[in-house]
Amino acid sequence: MSVDPRLAARRREVHESWARRRMRWLVALALAVVVLAGAYALLRSPWLAVRAIDVRGVDSSAAAEILAAHGVVEGVATVSVRPETIEAALMADPWVVGADVVVTWPGSVDVTVVERRPAAWVESGDRWVLVGEDGVVVDEGNPPEGAPVMRAVVGELVPGDSITDPEAVAAVSFLGLLPPELVVGAVARATPGGIEADVGGHLVVLGNRSDMPAKVATLVAMLEEGELVEGDVINLVSPTRPGVTNLQPQVEGDEEDVPSSDDSG
């Protein structure tokens, strides 16, 4: 059975059109693969590798080790540096309270770390831990001579844990707010009856955990005035109305120093 020439021509036309479309798609796909492969190779090439790493704010944290463990080193492909991942890893360090990682093409990584400021040593079970102003444990060891100490029942703590008692956290915060010349040898205590501290030869009664910055400011001002004597008890329960009491016993003068009514002069 013969096929109509017009139908046969139409079939050839459709087949050839389909073949041309398939060829265009194959060419486009091949070009896309070449472009993507070239882009990938370029992104991984030495021209777009990390050439500068600037780290700021690091003093006690393990930021350098964390960056190296996550491949943030010179020579690594810039595209492989994931700021969010690096920030999360840095924040897992108990010393770190804030982290910001910025990648600038073609090859710069800027890392800014905000570390906790250690405030006091706290006895935890049978060992000592170092605690930041916010009550987070940053390290453990033995307190050096003259280091500020906070005494309270805090349970067993390890780096990364937090003190849960708000009064104990406030006592730590008090020590963290003291200026360097007063914090040496300072001891704060958090008890059910309130917070108190030994600072500069004085017992300081702080009461509850409220207004700690104001209480520290008042204490510093009173000590700078120089009118207190050793042994004075400073009451800062209300920092706007401080009180001073001296609990030292009065020393009576010798009788020979007191004039007698029989003296003729």
Protein backbone atom coordinates (compact mmCIF):
# COMPACT_ATOMS: atom_id res chain seq x y z
CA MET A 1 0.00 0.00 0.00
CA SER A 2 1.58 3.27 -1.11
CA VAL A 3 1.77 6.32 1.21
CA ASP A 4 0.57 9.63 0.04
CA PRO A 5 3.62 11.75 -0.84
CA ARG A 6 2.27 14.68 1.17
CA LEU A 7 1.86 12.51 4.28
CA ALA A 8 5.35 11.07 3.84
CA ALA A 9 6.78 14.57 3.49
CA ARG A 10 4.97 15.68 6.64
CA ARG A 11 6.35 12.74 8.57
CA ARG A 12 9.90 13.56 7.44
CA GLU A 13 9.39 17.17 8.42
CA VAL A 14 8.17 16.23 11.91
CA HIS A 15 11.02 13.76 12.38
CA GLU A 16 13.64 16.26 11.24
CA SER A 17 12.15 18.98 13.49
CA TRP A 18 12.22 16.66 16.47
CA ALA A 19 15.83 15.69 15.65
CA ARG A 20 16.85 19.36 15.46
CA ARG A 21 15.18 20.12 18.81
CA ARG A 22 16.89 17.16 20.44
CA MET A 23 20.23 18.32 19.03
CA ARG A 24 19.67 21.86 20.38
CA TRP A 25 18.82 20.42 23.82
CA LEU A 26 21.91 18.23 23.77
CA VAL A 27 24.10 21.15 22.75
CA ALA A 28 22.55 23.36 25.44
CA LEU A 29 23.01 20.62 28.04
CA ALA A 30 26.61 20.11 27.00
CA LEU A 31 27.27 23.86 27.23
CA ALA A 32 25.62 23.99 30.65
CA VAL A 33 27.80 21.12 31.88
CA VAL A 34 30.90 22.83 30.52
CA VAL A 35 29.94 26.15 32.15
CA LEU A 36 29.13 24.52 35.49
CA ALA A 37 32.32 22.49 35.41
CA GLY A 38 34.30 25.61 34.60
CA ALA A 39 32.59 27.59 37.35
CA TYR A 40 33.22 24.79 39.85
CA ALA A 41 36.85 24.58 38.82
CA LEU A 42 37.19 28.36 39.09
CA LEU A 43 35.59 28.47 42.53
CA ARG A 44 37.96 25.75 43.68
CA SER A 45 41.00 27.27 42.01
CA PRO A 46 43.86 29.02 43.86
CA TRP A 47 42.66 32.35 42.45
CA LEU A 48 39.53 32.18 44.62
CA ALA A 49 41.09 30.53 47.67
CA VAL A 50 41.17 32.09 51.14
CA ARG A 51 44.23 34.30 51.34
CA ALA A 52 43.53 36.33 54.50
CA ILE A 53 41.91 35.39 57.83
CA ASP A 54 41.40 38.17 60.36
CA VAL A 55 40.35 37.06 63.86
CA ARG A 56 39.51 39.65 66.52
CA GLY A 57 38.47 39.47 70.16
CA VAL A 58 40.12 36.16 71.04
CA ASP A 59 41.87 35.87 74.38
CA SER A 60 40.80 32.70 76.20
CA SER A 61 38.58 30.78 73.77
CA ALA A 62 39.67 28.01 71.41
CA ALA A 63 38.66 30.00 68.33
CA ALA A 64 41.82 29.16 66.37
CA GLU A 65 41.33 25.43 66.88
CA ILE A 66 37.64 25.66 65.98
CA LEU A 67 38.37 27.53 62.74
CA ALA A 68 41.04 25.02 61.75
CA ALA A 69 38.76 22.08 62.53
CA HIS A 70 36.13 23.52 60.17
CA GLY A 71 38.59 24.12 57.35
CA VAL A 72 38.97 27.87 57.74
CA VAL A 73 42.64 28.02 56.78
CA GLU A 74 44.59 29.85 54.12
CA GLY A 75 44.42 28.10 50.77
CA VAL A 76 40.98 26.55 51.23
CA ALA A 77 38.34 27.41 48.66
CA THR A 78 36.43 30.51 49.74
CA VAL A 79 33.17 28.92 48.60
CA SER A 80 33.60 26.16 51.17
CA VAL A 81 33.53 28.54 54.15
CA ARG A 82 30.03 28.50 55.71
CA PRO A 83 29.64 31.49 58.05
CA GLU A 84 26.57 30.14 59.87
CA THR A 85 28.26 26.82 60.57
CA ILE A 86 31.42 28.48 61.84
CA GLU A 87 29.45 30.87 64.07
CA ALA A 88 27.53 27.97 65.61
CA ALA A 89 30.78 26.10 66.29
CA LEU A 90 32.33 29.15 67.95
CA MET A 91 29.24 29.72 70.10
CA ALA A 92 29.58 26.16 71.43
CA ASP A 93 32.75 27.26 73.23
CA PRO A 94 31.77 28.29 76.81
CA TRP A 95 34.08 31.31 76.59
CA VAL A 96 32.22 32.73 73.59
CA VAL A 97 29.11 34.85 74.07
CA GLY A 98 28.98 36.21 70.51
CA ALA A 99 30.50 35.40 67.11
CA ASP A 100 30.30 36.94 63.64
CA VAL A 101 31.89 35.48 60.50
CA VAL A 102 31.98 37.50 57.26
CA VAL A 103 33.30 36.12 53.97
CA THR A 104 34.48 38.73 51.46
CA TRP A 105 35.27 37.61 47.94
CA PRO A 106 37.59 36.69 46.47
CA GLY A 107 39.47 35.39 49.52
CA SER A 108 39.00 37.09 52.89
CA VAL A 109 37.40 35.79 56.10
CA ASP A 110 36.78 38.18 59.00
CA VAL A 111 35.97 36.60 62.37
CA THR A 112 34.86 38.66 65.37
CA VAL A 113 34.53 36.92 68.73
CA VAL A 114 33.03 38.35 71.92
CA GLU A 115 34.23 36.43 74.95
CA ARG A 116 32.72 36.20 78.40
CA ARG A 117 34.58 38.15 81.04
CA PRO A 118 35.51 35.86 83.93
CA ALA A 119 34.14 37.19 87.20
CA ALA A 120 34.79 34.73 90.02
CA TRP A 121 35.92 31.30 91.07
CA VAL A 122 33.24 29.08 92.56
CA GLU A 123 33.66 25.85 94.52
CA SER A 124 31.73 23.10 92.74
CA GLY A 125 31.77 19.76 94.48
CA ASP A 126 35.40 18.82 95.08
CA ARG A 127 36.89 21.27 92.56
CA TRP A 128 36.80 24.89 91.47
CA VAL A 129 35.25 26.40 88.35
CA LEU A 130 35.70 29.82 86.77
CA VAL A 131 32.42 31.62 86.08
CA GLY A 132 31.56 34.52 83.78
CA GLU A 133 29.48 37.50 84.84
CA ASP A 134 26.32 35.82 83.53
CA GLY A 135 26.85 32.69 85.64
CA VAL A 136 28.15 30.47 82.80
CA VAL A 137 31.09 28.23 83.68
CA VAL A 138 33.98 28.91 81.31
CA ASP A 139 36.82 26.86 82.81
CA GLU A 140 37.94 24.75 85.75
CA GLY A 141 41.13 24.53 87.79
CA ASN A 142 42.57 26.14 90.90
CA PRO A 143 41.99 29.81 91.70
CA PRO A 144 45.20 31.84 91.74
CA GLU A 145 46.16 33.80 94.83
CA GLY A 146 44.00 36.89 95.29
CA ALA A 147 41.39 35.78 92.76
CA PRO A 148 37.79 36.80 93.54
CA VAL A 149 35.69 34.00 95.00
CA MET A 150 31.94 33.51 95.21
CA ARG A 151 30.69 31.09 97.84
CA ALA A 152 27.31 29.41 97.42
CA VAL A 153 25.83 25.95 97.00
CA VAL A 154 25.85 25.47 93.21
CA GLY A 155 26.12 21.69 92.74
CA GLU A 156 28.38 19.91 90.27
CA LEU A 157 29.20 22.14 87.31
CA VAL A 158 31.39 21.72 84.23
CA PRO A 159 32.37 24.23 81.52
CA GLY A 160 29.28 25.20 79.56
CA ASP A 161 26.91 24.76 82.51
CA SER A 162 25.17 27.72 84.14
CA ILE A 163 24.53 28.58 87.77
CA THR A 164 20.78 28.38 88.24
CA ASP A 165 20.41 30.21 91.56
CA PRO A 166 19.69 33.87 90.65
CA GLU A 167 21.12 35.13 93.95
CA ALA A 168 24.39 33.31 93.29
CA VAL A 169 24.50 34.75 89.74
CA ALA A 170 23.96 38.22 91.22
CA ALA A 171 26.85 37.66 93.66
CA VAL A 172 29.08 36.69 90.72
CA SER A 173 27.90 39.75 88.81
CA PHE A 174 28.78 41.97 91.78
CA LEU A 175 32.36 40.71 91.72
CA GLY A 176 32.53 41.13 87.96
CA LEU A 177 31.49 44.78 88.27
CA LEU A 178 34.16 45.69 90.82
CA PRO A 179 37.13 47.70 89.52
CA PRO A 180 40.52 45.91 89.43
CA GLU A 181 41.83 47.61 92.56
CA LEU A 182 38.91 46.29 94.64
CA VAL A 183 38.31 42.85 93.17
CA VAL A 184 41.63 41.39 94.37
CA GLY A 185 40.89 39.11 97.30
CA ALA A 186 37.17 39.93 97.25
CA VAL A 187 34.76 37.24 98.44
CA ALA A 188 31.00 37.27 97.85
CA ARG A 189 28.49 34.96 99.51
CA ALA A 190 24.97 34.10 98.40
CA THR A 191 22.84 32.73 101.24
CA PRO A 192 19.09 32.37 101.85
CA GLY A 193 19.35 35.53 103.95
CA GLY A 194 20.81 37.64 101.11
CA ILE A 195 24.08 38.55 99.47
CA GLU A 196 27.12 39.94 101.24
CA ALA A 197 30.78 40.41 100.38
CA ASP A 198 34.17 41.13 101.84
CA VAL A 199 35.77 43.95 99.88
CA GLY A 200 38.81 46.03 100.83
CA GLY A 201 38.64 45.14 104.51
CA HIS A 202 34.92 45.82 104.78
CA LEU A 203 31.86 43.64 105.10
CA VAL A 204 29.39 44.82 102.46
CA VAL A 205 25.74 43.90 102.96
CA LEU A 206 24.02 43.81 99.57
CA GLY A 207 20.61 42.33 100.36
CA ASN A 208 18.81 40.87 97.36
CA ARG A 209 20.01 40.68 93.76
CA SER A 210 18.46 43.97 92.59
CA ASP A 211 20.40 47.10 91.52
CA MET A 212 23.86 45.50 91.51
CA PRO A 213 25.41 48.15 89.20
CA ALA A 214 24.09 50.91 91.46
CA LYS A 215 25.36 49.13 94.58
CA VAL A 216 28.83 48.77 93.09
CA ALA A 217 28.86 52.43 92.03
CA THR A 218 27.89 53.54 95.55
CA LEU A 219 30.50 51.29 97.13
CA VAL A 220 33.26 52.64 94.90
CA ALA A 221 32.25 56.23 95.65
CA MET A 222 32.23 55.60 99.42
CA LEU A 223 35.65 53.97 99.36
CA GLU A 224 37.10 56.76 97.22
CA GLU A 225 35.98 59.35 99.78
CA GLY A 226 38.45 57.81 102.24
CA GLU A 227 36.29 58.40 105.32
CA LEU A 228 35.78 54.73 106.17
CA VAL A 229 37.99 52.86 108.59
CA GLU A 230 38.92 49.21 108.43
CA GLY A 231 36.18 47.05 109.91
CA ASP A 232 33.32 49.33 108.92
CA VAL A 233 30.24 47.42 107.78
CA ILE A 234 28.72 49.00 104.66
CA ASN A 235 25.00 48.50 104.15
CA LEU A 236 24.01 48.81 100.49
CA VAL A 237 20.60 47.16 100.63
CA SER A 238 19.35 50.50 99.35
CA PRO A 239 22.17 51.96 97.25
CA THR A 240 20.67 55.47 97.39
CA ARG A 241 20.69 55.39 101.21
CA PRO A 242 23.84 53.54 102.25
CA GLY A 243 24.68 52.96 105.88
CA VAL A 244 27.91 52.45 107.78
CA THR A 245 28.35 50.63 111.09
CA ASN A 246 31.57 49.94 112.97
CA LEU A 247 31.44 46.73 114.94
CA GLN A 248 34.92 47.13 116.43
CA PRO A 249 34.86 47.31 120.26
CA GLN A 250 35.61 50.72 121.73
CA VAL A 251 39.01 50.95 123.43
CA GLU A 252 38.79 52.77 126.76
CA GLY A 253 41.55 55.21 127.61
CA ASP A 254 44.00 54.48 130.41
CA GLU A 255 43.08 56.00 133.79
CA GLU A 256 46.32 57.92 133.92
CA ASP A 257 45.28 59.86 130.86
CA VAL A 258 42.06 61.03 132.50
CA PRO A 259 42.43 64.19 134.63
CA SER A 260 41.54 63.71 138.31
CA SER A 261 39.55 66.21 140.42
CA ASP A 262 42.28 65.91 143.15
CA ASP A 263 45.02 67.15 140.87
CA SER A 264 46.27 70.51 142.16
CA GLY A 265 47.88 71.35 138.89
